[in-house]
Protein backbone atom coordinates (compact mmCIF):
# COMPACT_ATOMS: atom_id res chain seq x y z
CA MET A 1 27.04 127.15 -96.40
CA ILE A 2 26.58 130.83 -97.24
CA GLN A 3 22.82 130.47 -97.34
CA GLU A 4 22.82 128.73 -93.97
CA PHE A 5 24.95 131.56 -92.56
CA ILE A 6 22.50 134.16 -93.88
CA ASP A 7 19.58 132.21 -92.45
CA ASP A 8 21.33 132.16 -89.08
CA LEU A 9 21.80 135.93 -89.19
CA ILE A 10 18.11 136.45 -89.96
CA VAL A 11 16.93 134.14 -87.18
CA MET A 12 19.40 135.40 -84.57
CA ALA A 13 19.05 139.12 -85.24
CA PRO A 14 15.91 139.62 -83.05
CA ALA A 15 17.69 137.95 -80.10
CA VAL A 16 20.21 140.80 -79.93
CA LEU A 17 17.40 143.03 -78.64
CA TYR A 18 17.88 141.45 -75.21
CA ASN A 19 21.57 142.30 -75.32
CA LEU A 20 20.74 145.86 -76.34
CA TYR A 21 18.23 146.09 -73.50
CA PHE A 22 20.80 145.02 -70.90
CA ALA A 23 23.33 147.51 -72.25
CA ALA A 24 20.86 150.39 -72.63
CA ALA A 25 19.47 149.84 -69.13
CA SER A 26 22.87 149.74 -67.43
CA ILE A 27 24.94 152.34 -69.32
CA PRO A 28 23.14 155.54 -68.15
CA LEU A 29 22.89 154.38 -64.54
CA GLY A 30 26.48 153.16 -64.55
CA PHE A 31 27.64 156.48 -66.01
CA GLY A 32 26.03 158.53 -63.24
CA PHE A 33 27.19 156.17 -60.51
CA ALA A 34 30.73 156.22 -61.94
CA VAL A 35 30.87 160.02 -61.76
CA LEU A 36 29.98 159.89 -58.07
CA LEU A 37 32.56 157.17 -57.42
CA ALA A 38 35.28 159.10 -59.26
CA LEU A 39 34.52 162.25 -57.27
CA GLY A 40 34.45 160.15 -54.10
CA LYS A 41 37.84 158.66 -54.88
CA ALA A 42 39.23 162.17 -55.39
CA SER A 43 37.53 163.49 -52.24
CA PRO A 44 39.71 164.70 -49.34
CA ASN A 45 37.21 163.09 -46.96
CA LYS A 46 38.94 159.88 -45.87
CA LEU A 47 35.73 157.92 -45.29
CA ILE A 48 34.25 158.74 -48.70
CA ASN A 49 37.64 158.21 -50.33
CA HIS A 50 38.18 154.75 -48.80
CA LEU A 51 34.61 153.62 -49.48
CA SER A 52 34.87 154.65 -53.13
CA ARG A 53 38.27 153.03 -53.55
CA GLY A 54 37.08 149.84 -51.87
CA PHE A 55 33.99 149.61 -54.07
CA ILE A 56 36.00 150.16 -57.25
CA TYR A 57 38.64 147.64 -56.24
CA ALA A 58 36.08 144.99 -55.26
CA PHE A 59 34.13 145.08 -58.51
CA ARG A 60 37.15 145.54 -60.78
CA GLY A 61 38.98 142.75 -59.02
CA SER A 62 36.27 140.07 -59.18
CA PRO A 63 34.94 138.29 -62.30
CA LEU A 64 31.61 139.51 -63.66
CA PHE A 65 30.36 135.93 -63.86
CA ILE A 66 30.84 135.48 -60.11
CA GLN A 67 29.16 138.81 -59.42
CA PHE A 68 26.03 137.55 -61.16
CA PHE A 69 26.02 134.46 -58.95
CA MET A 70 26.61 136.52 -55.81
CA PHE A 71 23.80 139.00 -56.43
CA TYR A 72 21.31 136.37 -57.54
CA SER A 73 22.13 134.20 -54.51
CA LEU A 74 21.74 137.21 -52.21
CA ALA A 75 18.40 138.16 -53.77
CA LEU A 76 17.24 134.54 -53.52
CA SER A 77 18.23 134.27 -49.85
CA LEU A 78 16.23 137.42 -49.02
CA ASN A 79 13.19 136.24 -50.96
CA LEU A 80 11.20 134.68 -48.08
CA SER A 81 12.05 137.37 -45.55
CA LEU A 82 11.92 140.51 -47.66
CA TRP A 83 10.86 140.35 -51.31
CA ARG A 84 7.90 137.96 -51.01
CA PRO A 85 6.18 139.86 -48.14
CA LEU A 86 6.52 143.03 -50.19
CA GLY A 87 5.10 141.27 -53.26
CA ILE A 88 8.07 142.08 -55.48
CA SER A 89 9.88 138.74 -55.54
CA GLY A 90 8.99 138.15 -59.19
CA PHE A 91 10.47 141.52 -60.12
CA VAL A 92 13.65 141.35 -58.02
CA LEU A 93 14.51 137.80 -59.10
CA HIS A 94 13.76 138.41 -62.77
CA PRO A 95 16.75 138.32 -65.16
CA LEU A 96 15.60 141.58 -66.75
CA PHE A 97 16.21 143.23 -63.35
CA ILE A 98 19.19 141.26 -62.03
CA GLY A 99 21.05 141.60 -65.36
CA PRO A 100 21.06 145.42 -65.59
CA LEU A 101 21.67 145.71 -61.83
CA VAL A 102 24.90 143.71 -61.88
CA LEU A 103 26.06 145.23 -65.16
CA THR A 104 25.43 148.72 -63.80
CA ILE A 105 27.54 148.10 -60.71
CA ASN A 106 30.30 146.44 -62.73
CA THR A 107 30.56 149.12 -65.39
CA ALA A 108 30.37 151.86 -62.74
CA ALA A 109 33.53 150.50 -61.11
CA TYR A 110 35.49 150.39 -64.37
CA THR A 111 34.14 153.71 -65.62
CA ALA A 112 34.90 155.38 -62.28
CA GLU A 113 38.56 154.47 -62.66
CA ILE A 114 38.54 155.98 -66.17
CA PHE A 115 36.89 159.17 -64.91
CA TYR A 116 39.26 159.39 -61.95
CA GLY A 117 42.25 159.25 -64.26
CA ALA A 118 40.70 161.91 -66.49
CA LEU A 119 39.92 164.01 -63.44
CA ARG A 120 43.57 163.97 -62.41
CA ALA A 121 44.56 164.94 -65.95
CA VAL A 122 42.61 168.20 -65.89
CA PRO A 123 45.21 171.01 -66.11
CA LYS A 124 45.78 172.61 -62.72
CA GLY A 125 46.37 175.91 -64.43
CA ALA A 126 42.82 175.93 -65.81
CA ILE A 127 41.40 175.33 -62.34
CA GLU A 128 43.58 178.04 -60.82
CA ALA A 129 42.51 180.45 -63.57
CA ALA A 130 38.87 179.70 -62.87
CA ARG A 131 39.45 180.27 -59.16
CA ALA A 132 41.24 183.55 -59.87
CA TYR A 133 38.34 184.59 -62.09
CA GLY A 134 36.07 184.29 -59.07
CA MET A 135 34.16 181.12 -59.97
CA SER A 136 32.54 179.13 -57.20
CA ARG A 137 33.44 175.47 -56.74
CA SER A 138 30.28 174.38 -58.56
CA GLN A 139 31.05 176.74 -61.44
CA GLN A 140 34.60 175.44 -61.61
CA PHE A 141 33.30 171.90 -61.90
CA ARG A 142 30.63 172.68 -64.49
CA ARG A 143 32.67 174.98 -66.71
CA VAL A 144 36.25 173.77 -66.34
CA ILE A 145 36.66 170.39 -64.65
CA TRP A 146 33.73 168.48 -66.15
CA PRO A 147 34.25 169.49 -69.83
CA ASN A 148 37.96 168.63 -69.68
CA MET A 149 37.38 165.41 -67.76
CA ILE A 150 34.78 164.06 -70.17
CA ARG A 151 36.95 164.91 -73.18
CA PHE A 152 39.92 163.06 -71.73
CA ALA A 153 37.81 160.08 -70.67
CA TRP A 154 35.60 159.65 -73.74
CA PRO A 155 37.84 157.40 -75.90
CA ALA A 156 38.44 154.98 -73.02
CA TYR A 157 34.79 155.17 -71.99
CA THR A 158 33.79 154.23 -75.54
CA ASN A 159 35.78 151.01 -75.18
CA GLU A 160 34.13 150.33 -71.81
CA VAL A 161 30.67 150.67 -73.38
CA VAL A 162 31.59 148.15 -76.08
CA PHE A 163 33.01 145.78 -73.45
CA LEU A 164 29.79 146.12 -71.49
CA PHE A 165 27.74 145.25 -74.55
CA HIS A 166 29.88 142.16 -75.04
CA ALA A 167 29.43 141.26 -71.35
CA THR A 168 25.67 141.00 -71.86
CA ALA A 169 26.40 137.66 -73.52
CA ILE A 170 26.89 135.98 -70.14
CA VAL A 171 23.74 137.23 -68.37
CA TYR A 172 21.62 134.19 -69.21
CA PHE A 173 24.52 131.85 -68.54
CA ALA A 174 24.67 133.09 -64.94
CA VAL A 175 21.01 133.61 -63.98
CA PRO A 176 17.96 131.42 -64.66
CA VAL A 177 16.17 131.89 -67.96
CA LEU A 178 12.50 132.80 -67.60
CA SER A 179 9.61 132.96 -70.06
CA GLY A 180 11.60 131.44 -72.90
CA GLN A 181 13.87 134.48 -73.17
CA ARG A 182 16.81 133.96 -75.48
CA GLU A 183 19.53 136.53 -76.01
CA LEU A 184 22.06 136.22 -78.81
CA MET A 185 24.58 133.79 -77.30
CA LEU A 186 21.92 131.57 -75.77
CA THR A 187 20.18 131.40 -79.14
CA ALA A 188 23.44 130.38 -80.79
CA LYS A 189 23.99 127.77 -78.08
CA ASP A 190 20.54 126.28 -78.74
CA PHE A 191 21.35 126.03 -82.45
CA VAL A 192 24.65 124.32 -81.68
CA GLU A 193 22.91 121.75 -79.48
CA ARG A 194 20.55 121.03 -82.38
CA ASP A 195 23.09 120.27 -85.12
CA PHE A 196 26.52 120.63 -83.41
CA ASN A 197 27.69 123.17 -86.01
CA ALA A 198 29.41 125.48 -83.53
CA PHE A 199 31.51 127.27 -86.14
CA LEU A 200 28.48 128.35 -88.18
CA HIS A 201 26.23 129.51 -85.37
CA PHE A 202 28.80 131.20 -83.17
CA SER A 203 30.29 132.91 -86.24
CA ALA A 204 26.87 134.35 -87.04
CA ALA A 205 26.53 135.57 -83.44
CA ALA A 206 30.01 137.12 -83.64
CA VAL A 207 29.10 138.99 -86.84
CA ILE A 208 26.00 140.46 -85.16
CA PHE A 209 28.04 141.50 -82.13
CA LEU A 210 30.59 143.07 -84.47
CA ALA A 211 27.92 144.98 -86.39
CA VAL A 212 26.40 146.43 -83.21
CA SER A 213 29.86 147.28 -81.88
CA LEU A 214 30.62 149.22 -85.07
CA VAL A 215 27.40 151.20 -84.59
CA ILE A 216 28.40 151.99 -80.99
CA PHE A 217 31.84 153.14 -82.12
CA ALA A 218 30.24 155.33 -84.79
CA ILE A 219 27.76 156.96 -82.38
CA PHE A 220 30.37 157.60 -79.71
CA GLY A 221 32.76 158.86 -82.37
CA VAL A 222 30.23 161.51 -83.41
CA VAL A 223 29.83 162.54 -79.78
CA TYR A 224 33.61 162.77 -79.40
CA GLN A 225 33.86 165.00 -82.47
CA ARG A 226 31.22 167.20 -80.88
CA LEU A 227 33.19 167.35 -77.63
CA MET A 228 36.37 168.29 -79.50
CA ARG A 229 34.74 170.79 -81.86
CA HIS A 230 36.76 173.66 -80.36
CA LEU A 231 39.98 172.17 -81.73
CA PRO A 232 41.10 172.57 -85.35
CA SER A 233 40.21 169.59 -87.51
CA GLN A 234 42.98 167.11 -88.04
CA PRO A 235 44.28 166.88 -91.61
CA GLY A 236 43.77 163.64 -93.48
CA LEU A 237 46.49 161.23 -94.46
CA ARG A 238 49.02 162.56 -96.92
CA PHE A 239 49.84 160.11 -99.66
CA ALA A 240 51.94 162.44 -101.84
CA PRO A 241 55.67 162.36 -100.98
CA LYS A 242 57.28 165.58 -99.87
CA TRP A 243 60.22 166.07 -102.22
CA PHE A 244 61.09 169.53 -100.94
CA ARG A 245 61.03 170.80 -97.40
């Protein structure tokens, strides 16, 4: 049993590269889009504010699985009239394009809500001090608002990145598989259909997901320590009892 589990890990490990691709392709784009959405939601302009709020609500309020179906169906319906005449139908309908596109939009909506909450948490006194110091609005954002916002948002954003990586498991369950591509969960599913040992194969897939998630937590933890380097280091756990106060 242990040897079979190890063999599964060895065979499945290359398949996680597809999951990493989907995550790596969507995280930077989703991050930038989320910043714009958060600023739009905080904007005094009613049109920009309502559009940003509506976008965030729509993609946070609908299942990711359905979003994959919606975008693929839309791209397929425009194939004859738009993509094929332009000669890009193979690219637009490809899972390696549709997957990151939908994941980018989905994570942007969730991340925007995180950034908006962090934006509202920025101390008003710091902004007023920057204004009194004579900083322009762009300087206030770059030197006061943005550093504080990203520090407040980083722990929650770390969780969102991990959730996004886990969400890559449903890409090939929602869009057609081309060129024999097999990401981690689809590979495990193929193994289960071969010998019906769901516990073994899905456990191996879970261990790989867990290992990558731990790496993500470690990387983002280092970044967070860098962001909080201006604060005194927190003391470690005290195991010795305090007999005297």
